[in-house]
PDB file of N, CA and C in Angstrom:
ATOM      1  N   MET A   1      -4.729  10.014 -22.517  1.00  0.00           N
ATOM      2  CA  MET A   1      -3.025   9.994 -22.618  1.00  0.00           C
ATOM      3  C   MET A   1      -2.658   8.640 -22.404  1.00  0.00           C
ATOM      4  N   PHE A   2      -2.448   7.824 -23.391  1.00  0.00           N
ATOM      5  CA  PHE A   2      -1.705   6.493 -23.351  1.00  0.00           C
ATOM      6  C   PHE A   2      -0.378   6.084 -22.140  1.00  0.00           C
ATOM      7  N   ALA A   3       0.037   4.795 -21.474  1.00  0.00           N
ATOM      8  CA  ALA A   3       0.496   4.579 -21.041  1.00  0.00           C
ATOM      9  C   ALA A   3       1.462   4.893 -21.247  1.00  0.00           C
ATOM     10  N   ARG A   4       1.755   4.585 -22.584  1.00  0.00           N
ATOM     11  CA  ARG A   4       3.475   5.605 -22.611  1.00  0.00           C
ATOM     12  C   ARG A   4       4.563   6.502 -22.191  1.00  0.00           C
ATOM     13  N   ASP A   5       2.978   7.196 -22.305  1.00  0.00           N
ATOM     14  CA  ASP A   5       3.058   9.192 -21.845  1.00  0.00           C
ATOM     15  C   ASP A   5       3.195   9.334 -20.598  1.00  0.00           C
ATOM     16  N   SER A   6       2.637   8.362 -19.550  1.00  0.00           N
ATOM     17  CA  SER A   6       2.185   8.839 -18.440  1.00  0.00           C
ATOM     18  C   SER A   6       3.844   7.784 -16.639  1.00  0.00           C
ATOM     19  N   VAL A   7       4.069   7.556 -18.609  1.00  0.00           N
ATOM     20  CA  VAL A   7       5.764   6.778 -17.033  1.00  0.00           C
ATOM     21  C   VAL A   7       7.227   6.933 -17.147  1.00  0.00           C
ATOM     22  N   PRO A   8       8.124   6.997 -16.663  1.00  0.00           N
ATOM     23  CA  PRO A   8       9.363   7.791 -16.820  1.00  0.00           C
ATOM     24  C   PRO A   8       9.841   6.920 -18.654  1.00  0.00           C
ATOM     25  N   GLU A   9      10.017   7.255 -18.788  1.00  0.00           N
ATOM     26  CA  GLU A   9      11.036   7.490 -20.755  1.00  0.00           C
ATOM     27  C   GLU A   9      11.894   5.962 -19.822  1.00  0.00           C
ATOM     28  N   GLY A  10      11.528   4.636 -21.251  1.00  0.00           N
ATOM     29  CA  GLY A  10      11.278   4.066 -20.982  1.00  0.00           C
ATOM     30  C   GLY A  10      11.029   2.151 -20.316  1.00  0.00           C
ATOM     31  N   THR A  11       9.832   2.936 -19.835  1.00  0.00           N
ATOM     32  CA  THR A  11       9.294   1.900 -19.441  1.00  0.00           C
ATOM     33  C   THR A  11       7.892   1.120 -20.101  1.00  0.00           C
ATOM     34  N   PHE A  12       7.546   1.802 -20.942  1.00  0.00           N
ATOM     35  CA  PHE A  12       6.834   1.399 -22.151  1.00  0.00           C
ATOM     36  C   PHE A  12       7.523   0.875 -22.821  1.00  0.00           C
ATOM     37  N   GLU A  13       8.777   0.599 -23.701  1.00  0.00           N
ATOM     38  CA  GLU A  13       9.636   0.038 -24.794  1.00  0.00           C
ATOM     39  C   GLU A  13      10.493  -0.702 -23.321  1.00  0.00           C
ATOM     40  N   SER A  14      10.739  -0.459 -21.906  1.00  0.00           N
ATOM     41  CA  SER A  14      10.838  -1.977 -21.390  1.00  0.00           C
ATOM     42  C   SER A  14      10.019  -3.074 -22.018  1.00  0.00           C
ATOM     43  N   LEU A  15       8.705  -2.534 -21.732  1.00  0.00           N
ATOM     44  CA  LEU A  15       7.893  -3.807 -21.487  1.00  0.00           C
ATOM     45  C   LEU A  15       7.700  -3.943 -23.128  1.00  0.00           C
ATOM     46  N   GLN A  16       7.350  -3.413 -23.542  1.00  0.00           N
ATOM     47  CA  GLN A  16       7.569  -3.856 -25.500  1.00  0.00           C
ATOM     48  C   GLN A  16       8.967  -4.739 -25.790  1.00  0.00           C
ATOM     49  N   SER A  17       9.482  -4.616 -25.097  1.00  0.00           N
ATOM     50  CA  SER A  17      10.962  -6.105 -25.159  1.00  0.00           C
ATOM     51  C   SER A  17      10.839  -6.523 -24.619  1.00  0.00           C
ATOM     52  N   ASP A  18      10.144  -6.220 -23.677  1.00  0.00           N
ATOM     53  CA  ASP A  18       9.918  -8.217 -22.717  1.00  0.00           C
ATOM     54  C   ASP A  18       9.249  -8.567 -23.948  1.00  0.00           C
ATOM     55  N   VAL A  19       8.138  -8.699 -24.512  1.00  0.00           N
ATOM     56  CA  VAL A  19       6.194  -9.341 -25.005  1.00  0.00           C
ATOM     57  C   VAL A  19       7.618  -9.709 -26.055  1.00  0.00           C
ATOM     58  N   TYR A  20       8.202  -9.129 -26.728  1.00  0.00           N
ATOM     59  CA  TYR A  20       8.540  -9.633 -27.746  1.00  0.00           C
ATOM     60  C   TYR A  20      10.090 -10.957 -27.855  1.00  0.00           C
ATOM     61  N   SER A  21      10.827 -10.665 -26.586  1.00  0.00           N
ATOM     62  CA  SER A  21      11.852 -11.377 -26.047  1.00  0.00           C
ATOM     63  C   SER A  21      10.671 -13.237 -25.533  1.00  0.00           C
ATOM     64  N   GLY A  22       9.525 -12.678 -25.776  1.00  0.00           N
ATOM     65  CA  GLY A  22       9.056 -13.531 -24.846  1.00  0.00           C
ATOM     66  C   GLY A  22       8.195 -14.797 -25.914  1.00  0.00           C
ATOM     67  N   VAL A  23       7.883 -13.522 -27.089  1.00  0.00           N
ATOM     68  CA  VAL A  23       7.939 -14.430 -28.294  1.00  0.00           C
ATOM     69  C   VAL A  23       7.959 -14.659 -29.695  1.00  0.00           C
ATOM     70  N   SER A  24       9.374 -13.984 -29.952  1.00  0.00           N
ATOM     71  CA  SER A  24      10.619 -14.248 -31.066  1.00  0.00           C
ATOM     72  C   SER A  24      10.707 -15.248 -31.140  1.00  0.00           C
ATOM     73  N   GLU A  25      10.206 -16.296 -30.983  1.00  0.00           N
ATOM     74  CA  GLU A  25      10.985 -17.556 -31.215  1.00  0.00           C
ATOM     75  C   GLU A  25       9.490 -17.946 -31.590  1.00  0.00           C
ATOM     76  N   VAL A  26       7.993 -18.000 -31.225  1.00  0.00           N
ATOM     77  CA  VAL A  26       7.375 -18.452 -31.462  1.00  0.00           C
ATOM     78  C   VAL A  26       7.136 -18.348 -32.988  1.00  0.00           C
ATOM     79  N   GLU A  27       7.294 -16.690 -33.077  1.00  0.00           N
ATOM     80  CA  GLU A  27       7.101 -16.198 -34.504  1.00  0.00           C
ATOM     81  C   GLU A  27       8.288 -17.526 -35.892  1.00  0.00           C
ATOM     82  N   GLU A  28       9.529 -17.347 -35.102  1.00  0.00           N
ATOM     83  CA  GLU A  28      10.062 -17.807 -36.063  1.00  0.00           C
ATOM     84  C   GLU A  28       9.627 -18.889 -36.139  1.00  0.00           C
ATOM     85  N   ASP A  29       8.817 -20.057 -35.884  1.00  0.00           N
ATOM     86  CA  ASP A  29       8.507 -21.363 -35.911  1.00  0.00           C
ATOM     87  C   ASP A  29       8.033 -21.377 -37.653  1.00  0.00           C
ATOM     88  N   ASP A  30       7.991 -22.502 -37.857  1.00  0.00           N
ATOM     89  CA  ASP A  30       6.914 -22.450 -39.186  1.00  0.00           C
ATOM     90  C   ASP A  30       5.297 -22.637 -38.917  1.00  0.00           C
ATOM     91  N   PHE A  31       5.210 -21.583 -39.464  1.00  0.00           N
ATOM     92  CA  PHE A  31       3.174 -22.460 -39.882  1.00  0.00           C
ATOM     93  C   PHE A  31       2.685 -21.794 -40.802  1.00  0.00           C
ATOM     94  N   PRO A  32       1.468 -22.535 -41.215  1.00  0.00           N
ATOM     95  CA  PRO A  32       0.892 -22.719 -42.904  1.00  0.00           C
ATOM     96  C   PRO A  32       0.045 -21.455 -43.309  1.00  0.00           C
ATOM     97  N   THR A  33      -0.204 -20.592 -42.822  1.00  0.00           N
ATOM     98  CA  THR A  33      -0.336 -19.383 -42.633  1.00  0.00           C
ATOM     99  C   THR A  33      -0.279 -18.167 -41.274  1.00  0.00           C
ATOM    100  N   GLY A  34       0.594 -16.969 -42.073  1.00  0.00           N
ATOM    101  CA  GLY A  34       0.600 -15.812 -41.530  1.00  0.00           C
ATOM    102  C   GLY A  34      -0.575 -15.906 -40.331  1.00  0.00           C
ATOM    103  N   TYR A  35      -1.556 -15.775 -40.792  1.00  0.00           N
ATOM    104  CA  TYR A  35      -2.586 -16.073 -39.881  1.00  0.00           C
ATOM    105  C   TYR A  35      -2.199 -16.697 -39.049  1.00  0.00           C
ATOM    106  N   ALA A  36      -2.675 -17.878 -38.449  1.00  0.00           N
ATOM    107  CA  ALA A  36      -1.599 -18.801 -37.914  1.00  0.00           C
ATOM    108  C   ALA A  36      -0.457 -18.648 -36.745  1.00  0.00           C
ATOM    109  N   ARG A  37      -0.029 -18.228 -37.351  1.00  0.00           N
ATOM    110  CA  ARG A  37       1.211 -17.561 -36.781  1.00  0.00           C
ATOM    111  C   ARG A  37       1.281 -16.276 -36.305  1.00  0.00           C
ATOM    112  N   MET A  38       0.245 -15.056 -36.733  1.00  0.00           N
ATOM    113  CA  MET A  38      -0.323 -14.602 -35.563  1.00  0.00           C
ATOM    114  C   MET A  38      -0.957 -15.322 -34.494  1.00  0.00           C
ATOM    115  N   LYS A  39      -1.862 -15.945 -34.364  1.00  0.00           N
ATOM    116  CA  LYS A  39      -2.166 -15.883 -33.144  1.00  0.00           C
ATOM    117  C   LYS A  39      -1.646 -17.308 -32.169  1.00  0.00           C
ATOM    118  N   ALA A  40      -0.685 -17.781 -33.272  1.00  0.00           N
ATOM    119  CA  ALA A  40       0.365 -17.938 -32.681  1.00  0.00           C
ATOM    120  C   ALA A  40       0.868 -17.421 -31.068  1.00  0.00           C
ATOM    121  N   VAL A  41       1.380 -16.462 -31.435  1.00  0.00           N
ATOM    122  CA  VAL A  41       1.998 -15.564 -31.261  1.00  0.00           C
ATOM    123  C   VAL A  41       1.249 -14.327 -29.373  1.00  0.00           C
ATOM    124  N   LEU A  42       0.028 -14.031 -30.963  1.00  0.00           N
ATOM    125  CA  LEU A  42      -0.406 -13.877 -29.761  1.00  0.00           C
ATOM    126  C   LEU A  42      -1.058 -14.541 -28.420  1.00  0.00           C
ATOM    127  N   ALA A  43      -1.466 -14.991 -28.893  1.00  0.00           N
ATOM    128  CA  ALA A  43      -1.417 -17.101 -27.614  1.00  0.00           C
ATOM    129  C   ALA A  43      -0.371 -16.528 -26.578  1.00  0.00           C
ATOM    130  N   ALA A  44       0.762 -16.572 -27.150  1.00  0.00           N
ATOM    131  CA  ALA A  44       2.243 -16.808 -26.392  1.00  0.00           C
ATOM    132  C   ALA A  44       2.797 -15.260 -25.211  1.00  0.00           C
ATOM    133  N   ALA A  45       1.798 -14.732 -26.076  1.00  0.00           N
ATOM    134  CA  ALA A  45       1.746 -12.851 -25.796  1.00  0.00           C
ATOM    135  C   ALA A  45       0.819 -13.113 -24.393  1.00  0.00           C
ATOM    136  N   ARG A  46       0.032 -13.487 -24.097  1.00  0.00           N
ATOM    137  CA  ARG A  46      -1.007 -13.746 -23.983  1.00  0.00           C
ATOM    138  C   ARG A  46      -0.446 -14.053 -22.654  1.00  0.00           C
ATOM    139  N   ASP A  47      -0.148 -15.693 -22.444  1.00  0.00           N
ATOM    140  CA  ASP A  47      -0.068 -16.564 -22.119  1.00  0.00           C
ATOM    141  C   ASP A  47       1.394 -16.168 -20.738  1.00  0.00           C
ATOM    142  N   MET A  48       2.983 -15.787 -20.932  1.00  0.00           N
ATOM    143  CA  MET A  48       3.334 -16.143 -20.301  1.00  0.00           C
ATOM    144  C   MET A  48       3.966 -14.197 -19.378  1.00  0.00           C
ATOM    145  N   PRO A  49       4.802 -14.767 -18.514  1.00  0.00           N
ATOM    146  CA  PRO A  49       4.874 -14.324 -17.243  1.00  0.00           C
ATOM    147  C   PRO A  49       5.989 -12.946 -17.553  1.00  0.00           C
ATOM    148  N   LEU A  50       5.273 -11.744 -17.123  1.00  0.00           N
ATOM    149  CA  LEU A  50       6.495 -10.401 -17.486  1.00  0.00           C
ATOM    150  C   LEU A  50       6.926 -10.546 -16.153  1.00  0.00           C
ATOM    151  N   GLY A  51       8.012  -9.716 -16.150  1.00  0.00           N
ATOM    152  CA  GLY A  51       9.855  -8.638 -16.141  1.00  0.00           C
ATOM    153  C   GLY A  51       8.290  -8.208 -14.815  1.00  0.00           C
ATOM    154  N   PRO A  52       9.844  -7.596 -14.177  1.00  0.00           N
ATOM    155  CA  PRO A  52       8.698  -5.937 -13.480  1.00  0.00           C
ATOM    156  C   PRO A  52       8.971  -4.844 -13.937  1.00  0.00           C
ATOM    157  N   ASN A  53       8.339  -4.468 -14.088  1.00  0.00           N
ATOM    158  CA  ASN A  53       7.807  -3.259 -14.766  1.00  0.00           C
ATOM    159  C   ASN A  53       6.365  -2.134 -13.898  1.00  0.00           C
ATOM    160  N   VAL A  54       6.723  -0.997 -14.424  1.00  0.00           N
ATOM    161  CA  VAL A  54       5.732  -0.313 -13.443  1.00  0.00           C
ATOM    162  C   VAL A  54       4.654  -0.200 -13.909  1.00  0.00           C
ATOM    163  N   LEU A  55       4.608  -1.172 -15.074  1.00  0.00           N
ATOM    164  CA  LEU A  55       2.899  -1.743 -15.266  1.00  0.00           C
ATOM    165  C   LEU A  55       2.221  -2.394 -15.080  1.00  0.00           C
ATOM    166  N   ILE A  56       2.977  -2.910 -14.767  1.00  0.00           N
ATOM    167  CA  ILE A  56       3.076  -5.515 -14.721  1.00  0.00           C
ATOM    168  C   ILE A  56       1.777  -4.831 -14.644  1.00  0.00           C
ATOM    169  N   ASN A  57       1.036  -4.108 -12.877  1.00  0.00           N
ATOM    170  CA  ASN A  57      -0.446  -4.397 -12.428  1.00  0.00           C
ATOM    171  C   ASN A  57      -1.131  -3.735 -13.486  1.00  0.00           C
ATOM    172  N   TYR A  58      -0.966  -3.127 -14.645  1.00  0.00           N
ATOM    173  CA  TYR A  58      -2.009  -2.026 -15.507  1.00  0.00           C
ATOM    174  C   TYR A  58      -1.950  -2.883 -16.471  1.00  0.00           C
ATOM    175  N   VAL A  59      -0.872  -4.032 -16.796  1.00  0.00           N
ATOM    176  CA  VAL A  59      -1.389  -5.182 -18.898  1.00  0.00           C
ATOM    177  C   VAL A  59      -2.245  -5.844 -19.003  1.00  0.00           C
ATOM    178  N   LYS A  60      -3.560  -5.784 -19.079  1.00  0.00           N
ATOM    179  CA  LYS A  60      -4.138  -7.161 -19.468  1.00  0.00           C
ATOM    180  C   LYS A  60      -3.057  -7.571 -20.648  1.00  0.00           C
ATOM    181  N   PRO A  61      -4.501  -8.660 -20.513  1.00  0.00           N
ATOM    182  CA  PRO A  61      -3.835  -9.697 -21.511  1.00  0.00           C
ATOM    183  C   PRO A  61      -4.306  -9.935 -23.089  1.00  0.00           C
ATOM    184  N   GLU A  62      -5.022  -8.127 -22.991  1.00  0.00           N
ATOM    185  CA  GLU A  62      -5.732  -7.612 -24.640  1.00  0.00           C
ATOM    186  C   GLU A  62      -4.431  -6.766 -24.349  1.00  0.00           C
ATOM    187  N   ASP A  63      -3.773  -5.880 -23.416  1.00  0.00           N
ATOM    188  CA  ASP A  63      -2.857  -5.605 -23.740  1.00  0.00           C
ATOM    189  C   ASP A  63      -1.292  -5.849 -24.196  1.00  0.00           C
ATOM    190  N   ARG A  64      -1.445  -6.845 -24.343  1.00  0.00           N
ATOM    191  CA  ARG A  64       0.287  -8.039 -24.813  1.00  0.00           C
ATOM    192  C   ARG A  64      -0.397  -7.953 -25.982  1.00  0.00           C
ATOM    193  N   LYS A  65      -1.009  -8.600 -26.326  1.00  0.00           N
ATOM    194  CA  LYS A  65      -2.263  -8.198 -28.121  1.00  0.00           C
ATOM    195  C   LYS A  65      -1.093  -7.186 -28.551  1.00  0.00           C
ATOM    196  N   GLY A  66      -2.126  -6.169 -28.619  1.00  0.00           N
ATOM    197  CA  GLY A  66      -1.696  -4.948 -29.116  1.00  0.00           C
ATOM    198  C   GLY A  66      -0.270  -4.511 -29.422  1.00  0.00           C
ATOM    199  N   ILE A  67       0.221  -4.957 -27.744  1.00  0.00           N
ATOM    200  CA  ILE A  67       1.743  -4.607 -28.050  1.00  0.00           C
ATOM    201  C   ILE A  67       2.135  -5.027 -29.011  1.00  0.00           C
ATOM    202  N   CYS A  68       1.680  -6.409 -29.345  1.00  0.00           N
ATOM    203  CA  CYS A  68       2.665  -7.419 -30.311  1.00  0.00           C
ATOM    204  C   CYS A  68       1.597  -7.117 -32.612  1.00  0.00           C
ATOM    205  N   HIS A  69       1.028  -6.340 -31.733  1.00  0.00           N
ATOM    206  CA  HIS A  69       0.452  -5.778 -33.107  1.00  0.00           C
ATOM    207  C   HIS A  69       1.369  -4.062 -33.377  1.00  0.00           C
ATOM    208  N   GLN A  70       2.082  -3.230 -32.498  1.00  0.00           N
ATOM    209  CA  GLN A  70       2.466  -2.788 -32.176  1.00  0.00           C
ATOM    210  C   GLN A  70       4.288  -2.886 -32.995  1.00  0.00           C
ATOM    211  N   LEU A  71       4.380  -4.571 -32.688  1.00  0.00           N
ATOM    212  CA  LEU A  71       6.478  -4.800 -32.921  1.00  0.00           C
ATOM    213  C   LEU A  71       6.153  -4.865 -34.318  1.00  0.00           C
ATOM    214  N   ALA A  72       5.149  -5.963 -34.554  1.00  0.00           N
ATOM    215  CA  ALA A  72       5.341  -6.251 -36.511  1.00  0.00           C
ATOM    216  C   ALA A  72       4.708  -4.585 -36.935  1.00  0.00           C
ATOM    217  N   ASN A  73       3.799  -3.788 -36.712  1.00  0.00           N
ATOM    218  CA  ASN A  73       3.992  -2.603 -37.647  1.00  0.00           C
ATOM    219  C   ASN A  73       5.159  -1.426 -37.583  1.00  0.00           C
ATOM    220  N   GLU A  74       6.468  -2.280 -36.100  1.00  0.00           N
ATOM    221  CA  GLU A  74       7.580  -1.668 -36.921  1.00  0.00           C
ATOM    222  C   GLU A  74       8.101  -2.448 -37.766  1.00  0.00           C
ATOM    223  N   ASP A  75       8.066  -4.405 -37.804  1.00  0.00           N
ATOM    224  CA  ASP A  75       8.745  -4.961 -38.253  1.00  0.00           C
ATOM    225  C   ASP A  75       9.710  -5.700 -37.718  1.00  0.00           C
ATOM    226  N   ARG A  76       9.433  -5.857 -36.092  1.00  0.00           N
ATOM    227  CA  ARG A  76       9.990  -5.985 -35.390  1.00  0.00           C
ATOM    228  C   ARG A  76       9.196  -8.041 -35.828  1.00  0.00           C
ATOM    229  N   LEU A  77       8.366  -8.127 -35.457  1.00  0.00           N
ATOM    230  CA  LEU A  77       7.379  -9.306 -35.683  1.00  0.00           C
ATOM    231  C   LEU A  77       6.437  -9.500 -37.276  1.00  0.00           C
ATOM    232  N   THR A  78       6.360 -10.116 -37.929  1.00  0.00           N
ATOM    233  CA  THR A  78       6.524 -10.339 -39.462  1.00  0.00           C
ATOM    234  C   THR A  78       5.363 -11.677 -39.484  1.00  0.00           C
ATOM    235  N   TRP A  79       3.890 -11.850 -39.197  1.00  0.00           N
ATOM    236  CA  TRP A  79       3.289 -12.293 -39.732  1.00  0.00           C
ATOM    237  C   TRP A  79       3.032 -12.533 -40.930  1.00  0.00           C
ATOM    238  N   VAL A  80       3.620 -12.607 -41.710  1.00  0.00           N
ATOM    239  CA  VAL A  80       3.123 -13.134 -42.990  1.00  0.00           C
ATOM    240  C   VAL A  80       4.777 -13.443 -43.862  1.00  0.00           C
ATOM    241  N   GLN A  81       5.979 -14.247 -43.025  1.00  0.00           N
ATOM    242  CA  GLN A  81       6.955 -14.351 -44.156  1.00  0.00           C
ATOM    243  C   GLN A  81       7.050 -14.605 -45.506  1.00  0.00           C
ATOM    244  N   GLU A  82       7.898 -13.208 -45.727  1.00  0.00           N
ATOM    245  CA  GLU A  82       7.544 -14.018 -47.365  1.00  0.00           C
ATOM    246  C   GLU A  82       8.462 -15.316 -48.247  1.00  0.00           C
ATOM    247  N   GLU A  83       8.412 -15.724 -49.107  1.00  0.00           N
ATOM    248  CA  GLU A  83       8.630 -16.732 -49.674  1.00  0.00           C
ATOM    249  C   GLU A  83       9.983 -16.944 -49.973  1.00  0.00           C
ATOM    250  N   GLN A  84      10.932 -18.208 -49.866  1.00  0.00           N
ATOM    251  CA  GLN A  84      11.941 -18.705 -50.275  1.00  0.00           C
ATOM    252  C   GLN A  84      12.958 -19.672 -51.277  1.00  0.00           C
TER     253      GLN A  84
END
């Protein structure tokens, strides 16, 4: 069972939004490669304080990184920016 399936509706999504809010400005910075952007975003997620959430006592640094990858899969974060 996933954490999102064992907590009240919206709890996991709220955690995702908190992580997104904490890393979105980092993601917007200029980086020489998508890999460098991804590493910076993951480091920001690992180190950021999270707000109150039922899952806060259970979320580990690796979970925060996983949430970033989920956000990228949902096209909310982008590792490789298109050239303009």
